[in-house]
Amino acid sequence: MNKNQEKLYELILKNQLEGLTLKEIADLVDLSSPQSAKYHLNLLEEKGFIVSDSERKRYVAINQILNTKKTNNKIFTIPFLGYANCGEAVSFADEKIEDYISVSSTILNKKNPKDLFIVKAIGLSMNRANINGKSINHGDYVIVDRANLSPKNGDYVLSIINEAANIKRFYKDKEYIKLLSESTTGSHPIFIHKDDDYIINGVVVDVL
C-alpha cells in the first residue's frame, strides 16, 4: 500500500468518500486525475482492503463490513512496518508503513490497536523466547506496543541499533543495557552503554 492508497484507505475508514466523484476524490488527495484515483481505488479492492458500491457511489473497508456482524469480535487493521532481525542487528529499520494486516480483537486481548504495529521476524536467535507461551521463529509476525517505551527487565523489545531493527530480551542496570538472545543457536548477547545511540520502539506483546 503506497502513500496515495494509504490516504484513500484512511478516508474510506472515516466514510469521507461517499457520494464523491472520481474528480473530487482525486482533488481531495492531490492525485493528478480521476483516472489516477480510479487506479488506486481498484488496487485497494484487488488487494482485499475495500469493496465498491457503485449504486451509492461509495467504497467500504472490508474490516468495517466484518465489524457490523453480530459478534463480540472485531477485526482491526494493524500497520505492518517491515522486517526485524532476531540475530545481529543487520536489518535496516524503516518507520514507513508498508502494508496493513487484519487481526482479530480476540487476539489483541483488549490492547489498543492504535498503539500497535507488526514486524516480520528474520532469523532464529529468539526461537526459545516465551511470549504468551510462544517463541519467535523465522517468518513469524510480531506485534509490538509502541506506547510502552519503558520496558521492565525481562521484557522482549523491538529496538534500533545502528539503524537496524532488532528483537531481543531486555535487561538494564546502572551502567549498561544487556539484550539477550534466547536461541538454540547459542547467539551472544548485545551490550549497550547507557550513553549509546539506542532507541526502543516498543515492547513485544504477541507472536502470530
N, C-alpha and C. Protein backbone atom coordinates (compact mmCIF):
# COMPACT_ATOMS: atom_id res chain seq x y z
N MET A 1 0.86 -1.18 0.00
CA MET A 1 0.00 0.00 0.00
C MET A 1 0.90 1.24 0.00
N ASN A 2 0.86 2.02 -1.10
CA ASN A 2 1.69 3.22 -1.15
C ASN A 2 0.99 4.39 -0.46
N LYS A 3 1.64 5.57 -0.49
CA LYS A 3 1.10 6.71 0.25
C LYS A 3 -0.26 7.15 -0.27
N ASN A 4 -0.44 7.12 -1.59
CA ASN A 4 -1.73 7.52 -2.16
C ASN A 4 -2.85 6.57 -1.72
N GLN A 5 -2.55 5.28 -1.76
CA GLN A 5 -3.55 4.28 -1.33
C GLN A 5 -3.81 4.39 0.16
N GLU A 6 -2.77 4.70 0.93
CA GLU A 6 -2.94 4.85 2.37
C GLU A 6 -3.88 6.02 2.69
N LYS A 7 -3.71 7.15 1.96
CA LYS A 7 -4.59 8.30 2.16
C LYS A 7 -6.04 7.94 1.82
N LEU A 8 -6.22 7.26 0.70
CA LEU A 8 -7.57 6.87 0.29
C LEU A 8 -8.19 5.92 1.30
N TYR A 9 -7.40 4.98 1.77
CA TYR A 9 -7.93 3.99 2.72
C TYR A 9 -8.36 4.66 4.03
N GLU A 10 -7.55 5.61 4.51
CA GLU A 10 -7.90 6.31 5.75
C GLU A 10 -9.19 7.11 5.58
N LEU A 11 -9.39 7.73 4.41
CA LEU A 11 -10.63 8.47 4.17
C LEU A 11 -11.83 7.55 4.05
N ILE A 12 -11.62 6.36 3.48
CA ILE A 12 -12.70 5.38 3.38
C ILE A 12 -13.11 4.90 4.77
N LEU A 13 -12.12 4.68 5.65
CA LEU A 13 -12.43 4.27 7.01
C LEU A 13 -13.27 5.31 7.74
N LYS A 14 -13.09 6.58 7.37
CA LYS A 14 -13.85 7.67 8.00
C LYS A 14 -15.14 8.00 7.23
N ASN A 15 -15.45 7.19 6.20
CA ASN A 15 -16.64 7.40 5.37
C ASN A 15 -16.67 8.79 4.73
N GLN A 16 -15.49 9.28 4.32
CA GLN A 16 -15.41 10.63 3.77
C GLN A 16 -15.35 10.67 2.24
N LEU A 17 -15.49 9.51 1.59
CA LEU A 17 -15.51 9.50 0.12
C LEU A 17 -16.89 9.23 -0.44
N GLU A 18 -17.85 8.94 0.43
CA GLU A 18 -19.18 8.57 -0.03
C GLU A 18 -19.82 9.71 -0.82
N GLY A 19 -20.31 9.38 -2.02
CA GLY A 19 -21.01 10.35 -2.86
C GLY A 19 -20.11 11.22 -3.70
N LEU A 20 -18.79 11.13 -3.54
CA LEU A 20 -17.87 11.97 -4.30
C LEU A 20 -17.60 11.38 -5.68
N THR A 21 -17.39 12.24 -6.64
CA THR A 21 -16.98 11.80 -7.97
C THR A 21 -15.49 11.47 -7.94
N LEU A 22 -15.02 10.78 -8.97
CA LEU A 22 -13.60 10.46 -9.04
C LEU A 22 -12.75 11.72 -9.10
N LYS A 23 -13.26 12.76 -9.78
CA LYS A 23 -12.52 14.02 -9.84
C LYS A 23 -12.41 14.65 -8.45
N GLU A 24 -13.50 14.61 -7.69
CA GLU A 24 -13.48 15.17 -6.33
C GLU A 24 -12.54 14.37 -5.43
N ILE A 25 -12.52 13.06 -5.62
CA ILE A 25 -11.62 12.22 -4.83
C ILE A 25 -10.17 12.53 -5.18
N ALA A 26 -9.88 12.67 -6.47
CA ALA A 26 -8.52 12.99 -6.91
C ALA A 26 -8.06 14.32 -6.33
N ASP A 27 -8.94 15.32 -6.34
CA ASP A 27 -8.58 16.64 -5.80
C ASP A 27 -8.35 16.55 -4.28
N LEU A 28 -9.12 15.72 -3.61
CA LEU A 28 -9.04 15.61 -2.16
C LEU A 28 -7.70 15.06 -1.69
N VAL A 29 -7.13 14.13 -2.45
CA VAL A 29 -5.86 13.50 -2.05
C VAL A 29 -4.70 13.90 -2.96
N ASP A 30 -4.91 14.99 -3.72
CA ASP A 30 -3.83 15.55 -4.57
C ASP A 30 -3.33 14.57 -5.62
N LEU A 31 -4.25 13.84 -6.25
CA LEU A 31 -3.89 13.00 -7.38
C LEU A 31 -4.03 13.78 -8.67
N SER A 32 -3.34 13.34 -9.71
CA SER A 32 -3.27 14.13 -10.94
C SER A 32 -4.54 14.11 -11.76
N SER A 33 -5.35 13.06 -11.63
CA SER A 33 -6.52 12.92 -12.49
C SER A 33 -7.54 11.96 -11.88
N PRO A 34 -8.79 11.98 -12.36
CA PRO A 34 -9.79 10.99 -11.93
C PRO A 34 -9.34 9.57 -12.23
N GLN A 35 -8.63 9.40 -13.36
CA GLN A 35 -8.14 8.06 -13.73
C GLN A 35 -7.14 7.54 -12.71
N SER A 36 -6.32 8.44 -12.16
CA SER A 36 -5.36 8.04 -11.15
C SER A 36 -6.08 7.62 -9.86
N ALA A 37 -7.13 8.35 -9.49
CA ALA A 37 -7.92 7.97 -8.31
C ALA A 37 -8.54 6.60 -8.52
N LYS A 38 -9.09 6.36 -9.70
CA LYS A 38 -9.72 5.07 -10.00
C LYS A 38 -8.69 3.94 -9.95
N TYR A 39 -7.50 4.21 -10.45
CA TYR A 39 -6.42 3.21 -10.47
C TYR A 39 -6.09 2.76 -9.04
N HIS A 40 -5.88 3.72 -8.14
CA HIS A 40 -5.51 3.37 -6.77
C HIS A 40 -6.66 2.71 -6.02
N LEU A 41 -7.88 3.14 -6.26
CA LEU A 41 -9.04 2.50 -5.64
C LEU A 41 -9.19 1.06 -6.12
N ASN A 42 -8.95 0.84 -7.40
CA ASN A 42 -9.02 -0.52 -7.94
C ASN A 42 -7.97 -1.42 -7.30
N LEU A 43 -6.76 -0.88 -7.07
CA LEU A 43 -5.70 -1.67 -6.44
C LEU A 43 -6.07 -2.02 -5.00
N LEU A 44 -6.67 -1.08 -4.28
CA LEU A 44 -7.12 -1.37 -2.91
C LEU A 44 -8.17 -2.48 -2.91
N GLU A 45 -9.03 -2.46 -3.92
CA GLU A 45 -10.06 -3.50 -4.00
C GLU A 45 -9.45 -4.85 -4.37
N GLU A 46 -8.48 -4.84 -5.29
CA GLU A 46 -7.83 -6.08 -5.70
C GLU A 46 -7.05 -6.71 -4.53
N LYS A 47 -6.49 -5.87 -3.66
CA LYS A 47 -5.73 -6.36 -2.50
C LYS A 47 -6.64 -6.82 -1.36
N GLY A 48 -7.93 -6.58 -1.48
CA GLY A 48 -8.86 -7.05 -0.47
C GLY A 48 -9.09 -6.11 0.69
N PHE A 49 -8.69 -4.84 0.53
CA PHE A 49 -8.90 -3.88 1.61
C PHE A 49 -10.29 -3.25 1.57
N ILE A 50 -10.86 -3.11 0.37
CA ILE A 50 -12.15 -2.43 0.23
C ILE A 50 -13.03 -3.17 -0.76
N VAL A 51 -14.33 -2.83 -0.75
CA VAL A 51 -15.24 -3.24 -1.80
C VAL A 51 -15.96 -1.98 -2.28
N SER A 52 -16.35 -1.98 -3.55
CA SER A 52 -17.02 -0.81 -4.11
C SER A 52 -18.53 -1.04 -4.15
N ASP A 53 -19.26 0.05 -3.99
CA ASP A 53 -20.73 0.05 -4.07
C ASP A 53 -21.10 1.12 -5.09
N SER A 54 -21.21 0.72 -6.37
CA SER A 54 -21.41 1.68 -7.46
C SER A 54 -22.74 2.40 -7.37
N GLU A 55 -23.79 1.72 -6.86
CA GLU A 55 -25.10 2.35 -6.78
C GLU A 55 -25.10 3.54 -5.84
N ARG A 56 -24.36 3.43 -4.74
CA ARG A 56 -24.32 4.51 -3.76
C ARG A 56 -23.07 5.38 -3.88
N LYS A 57 -22.26 5.12 -4.91
CA LYS A 57 -21.04 5.86 -5.15
C LYS A 57 -20.18 5.90 -3.87
N ARG A 58 -19.84 4.74 -3.38
CA ARG A 58 -19.02 4.71 -2.18
C ARG A 58 -18.13 3.48 -2.19
N TYR A 59 -17.12 3.54 -1.32
CA TYR A 59 -16.22 2.41 -1.09
C TYR A 59 -16.26 2.09 0.39
N VAL A 60 -16.24 0.80 0.72
CA VAL A 60 -16.35 0.37 2.10
C VAL A 60 -15.16 -0.52 2.43
N ALA A 61 -14.52 -0.25 3.58
CA ALA A 61 -13.40 -1.08 4.02
C ALA A 61 -13.90 -2.45 4.48
N ILE A 62 -13.16 -3.49 4.11
CA ILE A 62 -13.56 -4.86 4.47
C ILE A 62 -13.73 -4.99 5.98
N ASN A 63 -12.81 -4.41 6.76
CA ASN A 63 -12.92 -4.57 8.22
C ASN A 63 -14.16 -3.88 8.78
N GLN A 64 -14.68 -2.84 8.08
CA GLN A 64 -15.92 -2.21 8.52
C GLN A 64 -17.10 -3.16 8.31
N ILE A 65 -17.06 -3.93 7.24
CA ILE A 65 -18.11 -4.90 6.98
C ILE A 65 -18.08 -5.99 8.05
N LEU A 66 -16.88 -6.48 8.34
CA LEU A 66 -16.74 -7.53 9.35
C LEU A 66 -17.19 -7.05 10.72
N ASN A 67 -16.95 -5.77 11.01
CA ASN A 67 -17.29 -5.25 12.33
C ASN A 67 -18.79 -5.09 12.54
N THR A 68 -19.57 -5.08 11.44
CA THR A 68 -21.01 -4.92 11.58
C THR A 68 -21.71 -6.23 11.88
N LYS A 69 -21.01 -7.35 11.79
CA LYS A 69 -21.63 -8.63 12.10
C LYS A 69 -21.92 -8.72 13.59
N LYS A 70 -22.95 -9.47 13.94
CA LYS A 70 -23.35 -9.61 15.34
C LYS A 70 -22.41 -10.59 16.03
N THR A 71 -21.33 -10.04 16.54
CA THR A 71 -20.32 -10.83 17.22
C THR A 71 -19.59 -9.94 18.19
N ASN A 72 -19.00 -10.54 19.19
CA ASN A 72 -18.22 -9.76 20.14
C ASN A 72 -16.83 -9.43 19.60
N ASN A 73 -16.44 -10.05 18.49
CA ASN A 73 -15.12 -9.84 17.93
C ASN A 73 -15.15 -8.74 16.88
N LYS A 74 -14.05 -8.02 16.79
CA LYS A 74 -13.86 -7.04 15.73
C LYS A 74 -12.55 -7.36 15.03
N ILE A 75 -12.44 -6.90 13.80
CA ILE A 75 -11.22 -7.07 13.04
C ILE A 75 -10.57 -5.71 12.88
N PHE A 76 -9.34 -5.57 13.35
CA PHE A 76 -8.62 -4.31 13.24
C PHE A 76 -7.49 -4.44 12.22
N THR A 77 -7.21 -3.36 11.53
CA THR A 77 -6.07 -3.33 10.61
C THR A 77 -4.89 -2.71 11.34
N ILE A 78 -3.81 -3.47 11.45
CA ILE A 78 -2.61 -3.04 12.18
C ILE A 78 -1.50 -2.74 11.17
N PRO A 79 -0.81 -1.60 11.29
CA PRO A 79 0.26 -1.28 10.34
C PRO A 79 1.38 -2.32 10.37
N PHE A 80 1.84 -2.69 9.18
CA PHE A 80 2.99 -3.58 9.02
C PHE A 80 4.18 -2.73 8.59
N LEU A 81 5.23 -2.71 9.41
CA LEU A 81 6.36 -1.82 9.17
C LEU A 81 7.56 -2.49 8.53
N GLY A 82 7.47 -3.79 8.25
CA GLY A 82 8.59 -4.44 7.57
C GLY A 82 9.22 -5.54 8.41
N TYR A 83 10.55 -5.59 8.42
CA TYR A 83 11.26 -6.73 8.98
C TYR A 83 12.16 -6.32 10.15
N ALA A 84 12.31 -7.24 11.09
CA ALA A 84 13.21 -7.01 12.22
C ALA A 84 14.06 -8.25 12.43
N ASN A 85 15.33 -8.04 12.70
CA ASN A 85 16.25 -9.16 12.83
C ASN A 85 16.22 -9.73 14.24
N CYS A 86 16.31 -11.03 14.34
CA CYS A 86 16.39 -11.71 15.64
C CYS A 86 17.79 -12.23 15.91
N GLY A 87 18.73 -11.75 15.12
CA GLY A 87 20.13 -12.12 15.35
C GLY A 87 20.93 -10.86 15.53
N GLU A 88 22.01 -10.72 14.76
CA GLU A 88 22.77 -9.48 14.79
C GLU A 88 21.94 -8.37 14.16
N ALA A 89 22.23 -7.13 14.55
CA ALA A 89 21.45 -6.00 14.06
C ALA A 89 21.87 -5.64 12.64
N VAL A 90 21.34 -6.36 11.66
CA VAL A 90 21.76 -6.14 10.28
C VAL A 90 20.62 -5.68 9.37
N SER A 91 19.38 -5.72 9.84
CA SER A 91 18.26 -5.30 9.01
C SER A 91 18.01 -3.82 9.18
N PHE A 92 17.89 -3.11 8.08
CA PHE A 92 17.68 -1.66 8.15
C PHE A 92 16.31 -1.35 8.74
N ALA A 93 16.25 -0.40 9.65
CA ALA A 93 14.99 -0.03 10.32
C ALA A 93 14.33 1.10 9.54
N ASP A 94 13.08 0.91 9.16
CA ASP A 94 12.34 1.91 8.40
C ASP A 94 10.95 2.06 9.00
N GLU A 95 10.59 3.29 9.39
CA GLU A 95 9.31 3.52 10.05
C GLU A 95 8.15 3.58 9.06
N LYS A 96 8.42 3.54 7.76
CA LYS A 96 7.35 3.69 6.77
C LYS A 96 6.41 2.49 6.81
N ILE A 97 5.11 2.78 6.77
CA ILE A 97 4.12 1.71 6.73
C ILE A 97 4.16 1.05 5.36
N GLU A 98 4.42 -0.26 5.33
CA GLU A 98 4.47 -0.99 4.07
C GLU A 98 3.12 -1.57 3.68
N ASP A 99 2.31 -1.89 4.68
CA ASP A 99 1.02 -2.52 4.40
C ASP A 99 0.22 -2.53 5.70
N TYR A 100 -0.95 -3.16 5.65
CA TYR A 100 -1.76 -3.36 6.86
C TYR A 100 -2.11 -4.84 6.96
N ILE A 101 -2.20 -5.33 8.20
CA ILE A 101 -2.56 -6.73 8.45
C ILE A 101 -3.80 -6.74 9.34
N SER A 102 -4.81 -7.53 8.95
CA SER A 102 -6.04 -7.63 9.73
C SER A 102 -5.87 -8.63 10.86
N VAL A 103 -6.23 -8.21 12.08
CA VAL A 103 -6.06 -9.04 13.27
C VAL A 103 -7.32 -8.96 14.12
N SER A 104 -7.79 -10.11 14.59
CA SER A 104 -8.99 -10.17 15.43
C SER A 104 -8.75 -9.49 16.77
N SER A 105 -9.80 -8.83 17.28
CA SER A 105 -9.70 -8.20 18.61
C SER A 105 -9.46 -9.23 19.70
N THR A 106 -9.91 -10.47 19.47
CA THR A 106 -9.67 -11.52 20.46
C THR A 106 -8.19 -11.79 20.62
N ILE A 107 -7.46 -11.79 19.51
CA ILE A 107 -6.01 -11.98 19.55
C ILE A 107 -5.34 -10.80 20.25
N LEU A 108 -5.83 -9.59 20.00
CA LEU A 108 -5.23 -8.40 20.60
C LEU A 108 -5.49 -8.32 22.09
N ASN A 109 -6.52 -9.03 22.57
CA ASN A 109 -6.76 -9.16 24.02
C ASN A 109 -6.87 -7.80 24.72
N LYS A 110 -7.79 -6.97 24.19
CA LYS A 110 -8.13 -5.67 24.79
C LYS A 110 -7.03 -4.62 24.68
N LYS A 111 -5.97 -4.91 23.94
CA LYS A 111 -4.94 -3.88 23.72
C LYS A 111 -5.47 -2.85 22.71
N ASN A 112 -5.05 -1.62 22.87
CA ASN A 112 -5.49 -0.56 21.97
C ASN A 112 -4.82 -0.74 20.61
N PRO A 113 -5.59 -1.02 19.56
CA PRO A 113 -4.96 -1.26 18.25
C PRO A 113 -4.21 -0.05 17.71
N LYS A 114 -4.57 1.15 18.17
CA LYS A 114 -3.88 2.35 17.71
C LYS A 114 -2.43 2.41 18.20
N ASP A 115 -2.13 1.65 19.25
CA ASP A 115 -0.78 1.65 19.81
C ASP A 115 0.10 0.54 19.23
N LEU A 116 -0.45 -0.27 18.33
CA LEU A 116 0.26 -1.47 17.88
C LEU A 116 0.77 -1.35 16.45
N PHE A 117 1.86 -2.05 16.17
CA PHE A 117 2.30 -2.28 14.79
C PHE A 117 2.89 -3.68 14.72
N ILE A 118 3.12 -4.14 13.50
CA ILE A 118 3.60 -5.51 13.28
C ILE A 118 4.89 -5.49 12.46
N VAL A 119 5.83 -6.35 12.84
CA VAL A 119 7.02 -6.59 12.03
C VAL A 119 7.15 -8.09 11.80
N LYS A 120 7.91 -8.46 10.79
CA LYS A 120 8.15 -9.87 10.49
C LYS A 120 9.56 -10.24 10.91
N ALA A 121 9.67 -11.32 11.69
CA ALA A 121 10.96 -11.71 12.26
C ALA A 121 11.85 -12.40 11.23
N ILE A 122 13.13 -12.05 11.27
CA ILE A 122 14.15 -12.70 10.45
C ILE A 122 15.16 -13.35 11.39
N GLY A 123 15.47 -14.62 11.16
CA GLY A 123 16.49 -15.28 11.97
C GLY A 123 15.89 -16.15 13.06
N LEU A 124 16.76 -16.86 13.77
CA LEU A 124 16.34 -17.86 14.76
C LEU A 124 16.84 -17.58 16.16
N SER A 125 17.41 -16.41 16.41
CA SER A 125 18.05 -16.20 17.71
C SER A 125 17.06 -15.96 18.84
N MET A 126 15.74 -15.94 18.54
CA MET A 126 14.73 -15.82 19.60
C MET A 126 13.77 -17.01 19.58
N ASN A 127 14.24 -18.15 19.04
CA ASN A 127 13.33 -19.30 18.91
C ASN A 127 13.12 -20.06 20.22
N ARG A 128 13.70 -19.54 21.33
CA ARG A 128 13.40 -20.11 22.65
C ARG A 128 12.77 -19.05 23.56
N ALA A 129 12.34 -17.95 22.97
CA ALA A 129 11.64 -16.92 23.75
C ALA A 129 10.31 -17.48 24.23
N ASN A 130 9.72 -16.78 25.20
CA ASN A 130 8.42 -17.20 25.72
C ASN A 130 7.51 -15.98 25.84
N ILE A 131 6.73 -15.75 24.80
CA ILE A 131 5.79 -14.62 24.77
C ILE A 131 4.39 -15.20 24.68
N ASN A 132 3.69 -15.18 25.78
CA ASN A 132 2.37 -15.83 25.87
C ASN A 132 2.46 -17.31 25.48
N GLY A 133 3.56 -17.94 25.86
CA GLY A 133 3.76 -19.35 25.56
C GLY A 133 4.26 -19.63 24.16
N LYS A 134 4.62 -18.57 23.40
CA LYS A 134 5.07 -18.74 22.02
C LYS A 134 6.49 -18.22 21.84
N SER A 135 7.26 -18.90 21.01
CA SER A 135 8.60 -18.43 20.66
C SER A 135 8.50 -17.54 19.41
N ILE A 136 9.65 -16.98 19.03
CA ILE A 136 9.71 -16.18 17.80
C ILE A 136 10.59 -16.91 16.81
N ASN A 137 9.98 -17.43 15.77
CA ASN A 137 10.73 -18.15 14.74
C ASN A 137 10.82 -17.32 13.47
N HIS A 138 11.74 -17.70 12.60
CA HIS A 138 11.91 -17.01 11.33
C HIS A 138 10.59 -16.97 10.56
N GLY A 139 10.18 -15.79 10.16
CA GLY A 139 8.94 -15.64 9.39
C GLY A 139 7.72 -15.34 10.23
N ASP A 140 7.84 -15.39 11.55
CA ASP A 140 6.69 -15.07 12.42
C ASP A 140 6.38 -13.58 12.36
N TYR A 141 5.10 -13.26 12.55
CA TYR A 141 4.68 -11.87 12.68
C TYR A 141 4.67 -11.50 14.17
N VAL A 142 5.31 -10.40 14.49
CA VAL A 142 5.49 -9.98 15.88
C VAL A 142 4.72 -8.68 16.11
N ILE A 143 3.85 -8.67 17.12
CA ILE A 143 3.06 -7.48 17.45
C ILE A 143 3.79 -6.69 18.52
N VAL A 144 3.96 -5.39 18.26
CA VAL A 144 4.72 -4.52 19.16
C VAL A 144 3.83 -3.39 19.65
N ASP A 145 3.91 -3.11 20.95
CA ASP A 145 3.17 -2.00 21.57
C ASP A 145 4.08 -0.77 21.60
N ARG A 146 3.81 0.19 20.71
CA ARG A 146 4.64 1.38 20.61
C ARG A 146 4.42 2.34 21.79
N ALA A 147 3.33 2.15 22.54
CA ALA A 147 3.04 3.03 23.68
C ALA A 147 3.92 2.71 24.88
N ASN A 148 4.50 1.53 24.90
CA ASN A 148 5.34 1.11 26.03
C ASN A 148 6.81 1.29 25.65
N LEU A 149 7.37 2.42 26.05
CA LEU A 149 8.77 2.72 25.73
C LEU A 149 9.66 2.64 26.96
N SER A 150 9.13 2.12 28.05
CA SER A 150 9.90 1.94 29.29
C SER A 150 9.80 0.49 29.74
N PRO A 151 10.48 -0.41 29.04
CA PRO A 151 10.36 -1.84 29.35
C PRO A 151 10.93 -2.18 30.72
N LYS A 152 10.39 -3.23 31.31
CA LYS A 152 10.92 -3.79 32.55
C LYS A 152 11.95 -4.86 32.22
N ASN A 153 12.82 -5.15 33.16
CA ASN A 153 13.76 -6.24 32.95
C ASN A 153 13.01 -7.54 32.67
N GLY A 154 13.41 -8.20 31.60
CA GLY A 154 12.75 -9.44 31.20
C GLY A 154 11.77 -9.26 30.06
N ASP A 155 11.40 -8.01 29.75
CA ASP A 155 10.51 -7.77 28.61
C ASP A 155 11.25 -8.04 27.30
N TYR A 156 10.49 -8.38 26.27
CA TYR A 156 11.04 -8.51 24.92
C TYR A 156 10.78 -7.20 24.19
N VAL A 157 11.81 -6.64 23.58
CA VAL A 157 11.68 -5.32 22.97
C VAL A 157 12.10 -5.33 21.50
N LEU A 158 11.49 -4.40 20.76
CA LEU A 158 11.98 -4.07 19.43
C LEU A 158 12.75 -2.77 19.58
N SER A 159 14.02 -2.80 19.22
CA SER A 159 14.84 -1.62 19.39
C SER A 159 15.66 -1.37 18.13
N ILE A 160 16.25 -0.17 18.08
CA ILE A 160 17.06 0.22 16.93
C ILE A 160 18.50 0.34 17.36
N ILE A 161 19.36 -0.43 16.70
CA ILE A 161 20.79 -0.39 16.96
C ILE A 161 21.50 -0.13 15.64
N ASN A 162 22.22 0.98 15.54
CA ASN A 162 22.91 1.33 14.29
C ASN A 162 21.96 1.30 13.09
N GLU A 163 20.78 1.88 13.27
CA GLU A 163 19.76 2.00 12.22
C GLU A 163 19.20 0.65 11.80
N ALA A 164 19.28 -0.35 12.69
CA ALA A 164 18.75 -1.67 12.38
C ALA A 164 17.73 -2.09 13.43
N ALA A 165 16.61 -2.66 12.98
CA ALA A 165 15.57 -3.14 13.89
C ALA A 165 15.98 -4.51 14.43
N ASN A 166 15.83 -4.67 15.74
CA ASN A 166 16.34 -5.87 16.39
C ASN A 166 15.40 -6.28 17.53
N ILE A 167 15.09 -7.57 17.63
CA ILE A 167 14.24 -8.09 18.70
C ILE A 167 15.10 -8.88 19.68
N LYS A 168 15.04 -8.49 20.97
CA LYS A 168 15.84 -9.14 22.00
C LYS A 168 15.11 -9.05 23.34
N ARG A 169 15.61 -9.78 24.34
CA ARG A 169 15.11 -9.66 25.71
C ARG A 169 15.92 -8.61 26.45
N PHE A 170 15.24 -7.75 27.15
CA PHE A 170 15.81 -6.52 27.71
C PHE A 170 16.17 -6.68 29.19
N TYR A 171 17.41 -6.27 29.52
CA TYR A 171 17.82 -6.16 30.92
C TYR A 171 18.67 -4.90 31.06
N LYS A 172 18.46 -4.17 32.15
CA LYS A 172 19.18 -2.91 32.34
C LYS A 172 19.67 -2.80 33.78
N ASP A 173 20.91 -2.31 33.95
CA ASP A 173 21.39 -1.95 35.28
C ASP A 173 21.90 -0.51 35.21
N LYS A 174 22.69 -0.07 36.17
CA LYS A 174 23.11 1.33 36.23
C LYS A 174 24.04 1.72 35.10
N GLU A 175 24.80 0.76 34.59
CA GLU A 175 25.85 1.09 33.63
C GLU A 175 25.51 0.76 32.18
N TYR A 176 24.79 -0.32 31.95
CA TYR A 176 24.58 -0.74 30.58
C TYR A 176 23.27 -1.51 30.43
N ILE A 177 22.88 -1.67 29.18
CA ILE A 177 21.71 -2.48 28.81
C ILE A 177 22.23 -3.76 28.18
N LYS A 178 21.68 -4.88 28.60
CA LYS A 178 22.03 -6.18 28.01
C LYS A 178 20.83 -6.69 27.23
N LEU A 179 21.04 -6.99 25.95
CA LEU A 179 19.99 -7.52 25.09
C LEU A 179 20.30 -8.98 24.81
N LEU A 180 19.46 -9.85 25.34
CA LEU A 180 19.73 -11.28 25.27
C LEU A 180 19.02 -11.96 24.12
N SER A 181 19.72 -12.86 23.47
CA SER A 181 19.10 -13.81 22.56
C SER A 181 18.65 -15.02 23.38
N GLU A 182 17.57 -15.65 22.96
CA GLU A 182 17.12 -16.89 23.58
C GLU A 182 16.94 -17.90 22.47
N SER A 183 17.97 -18.69 22.24
CA SER A 183 18.04 -19.43 20.99
C SER A 183 18.71 -20.78 21.16
N THR A 184 18.34 -21.69 20.28
CA THR A 184 19.03 -22.98 20.19
C THR A 184 20.37 -22.83 19.47
N THR A 185 20.61 -21.66 18.86
CA THR A 185 21.84 -21.45 18.09
C THR A 185 22.96 -20.88 18.94
N GLY A 186 22.68 -20.53 20.20
CA GLY A 186 23.73 -20.02 21.09
C GLY A 186 24.22 -18.64 20.72
N SER A 187 23.34 -17.76 20.29
CA SER A 187 23.74 -16.40 19.91
C SER A 187 24.21 -15.61 21.13
N HIS A 188 25.18 -14.73 20.94
CA HIS A 188 25.74 -13.95 22.03
C HIS A 188 24.85 -12.75 22.34
N PRO A 189 24.89 -12.25 23.58
CA PRO A 189 24.13 -11.05 23.93
C PRO A 189 24.76 -9.80 23.32
N ILE A 190 23.99 -8.72 23.31
CA ILE A 190 24.47 -7.41 22.87
C ILE A 190 24.51 -6.51 24.09
N PHE A 191 25.63 -5.78 24.27
CA PHE A 191 25.78 -4.88 25.41
C PHE A 191 25.77 -3.43 24.93
N ILE A 192 24.86 -2.64 25.48
CA ILE A 192 24.69 -1.24 25.09
C ILE A 192 24.98 -0.35 26.28
N HIS A 193 25.89 0.61 26.12
CA HIS A 193 26.14 1.57 27.19
C HIS A 193 24.98 2.54 27.28
N LYS A 194 24.75 3.05 28.48
CA LYS A 194 23.60 3.94 28.69
C LYS A 194 23.68 5.22 27.84
N ASP A 195 24.90 5.60 27.38
CA ASP A 195 25.08 6.81 26.57
C ASP A 195 25.09 6.53 25.07
N ASP A 196 24.95 5.26 24.68
CA ASP A 196 24.97 4.92 23.26
C ASP A 196 23.69 5.36 22.56
N ASP A 197 23.77 5.44 21.24
CA ASP A 197 22.61 5.80 20.42
C ASP A 197 21.73 4.57 20.29
N TYR A 198 20.77 4.46 21.19
CA TYR A 198 19.94 3.26 21.28
C TYR A 198 18.49 3.70 21.46
N ILE A 199 17.60 3.19 20.62
CA ILE A 199 16.20 3.61 20.62
C ILE A 199 15.30 2.40 20.83
N ILE A 200 14.38 2.49 21.78
CA ILE A 200 13.38 1.45 21.98
C ILE A 200 12.11 1.85 21.24
N ASN A 201 11.64 0.98 20.37
CA ASN A 201 10.43 1.26 19.59
C ASN A 201 9.17 0.69 20.21
N GLY A 202 9.32 -0.18 21.19
CA GLY A 202 8.15 -0.76 21.85
C GLY A 202 8.44 -2.13 22.42
N VAL A 203 7.46 -2.63 23.16
CA VAL A 203 7.58 -3.94 23.79
C VAL A 203 6.76 -4.96 23.00
N VAL A 204 7.33 -6.13 22.77
CA VAL A 204 6.64 -7.20 22.06
C VAL A 204 5.52 -7.75 22.95
N VAL A 205 4.31 -7.82 22.39
CA VAL A 205 3.17 -8.28 23.17
C VAL A 205 2.58 -9.60 22.67
N ASP A 206 2.89 -9.98 21.42
CA ASP A 206 2.36 -11.24 20.92
C ASP A 206 3.11 -11.65 19.66
N VAL A 207 2.93 -12.93 19.31
CA VAL A 207 3.55 -13.50 18.11
C VAL A 207 2.48 -14.27 17.35
N LEU A 208 2.42 -14.06 16.04
CA LEU A 208 1.44 -14.73 15.19
C LEU A 208 2.13 -15.67 14.21
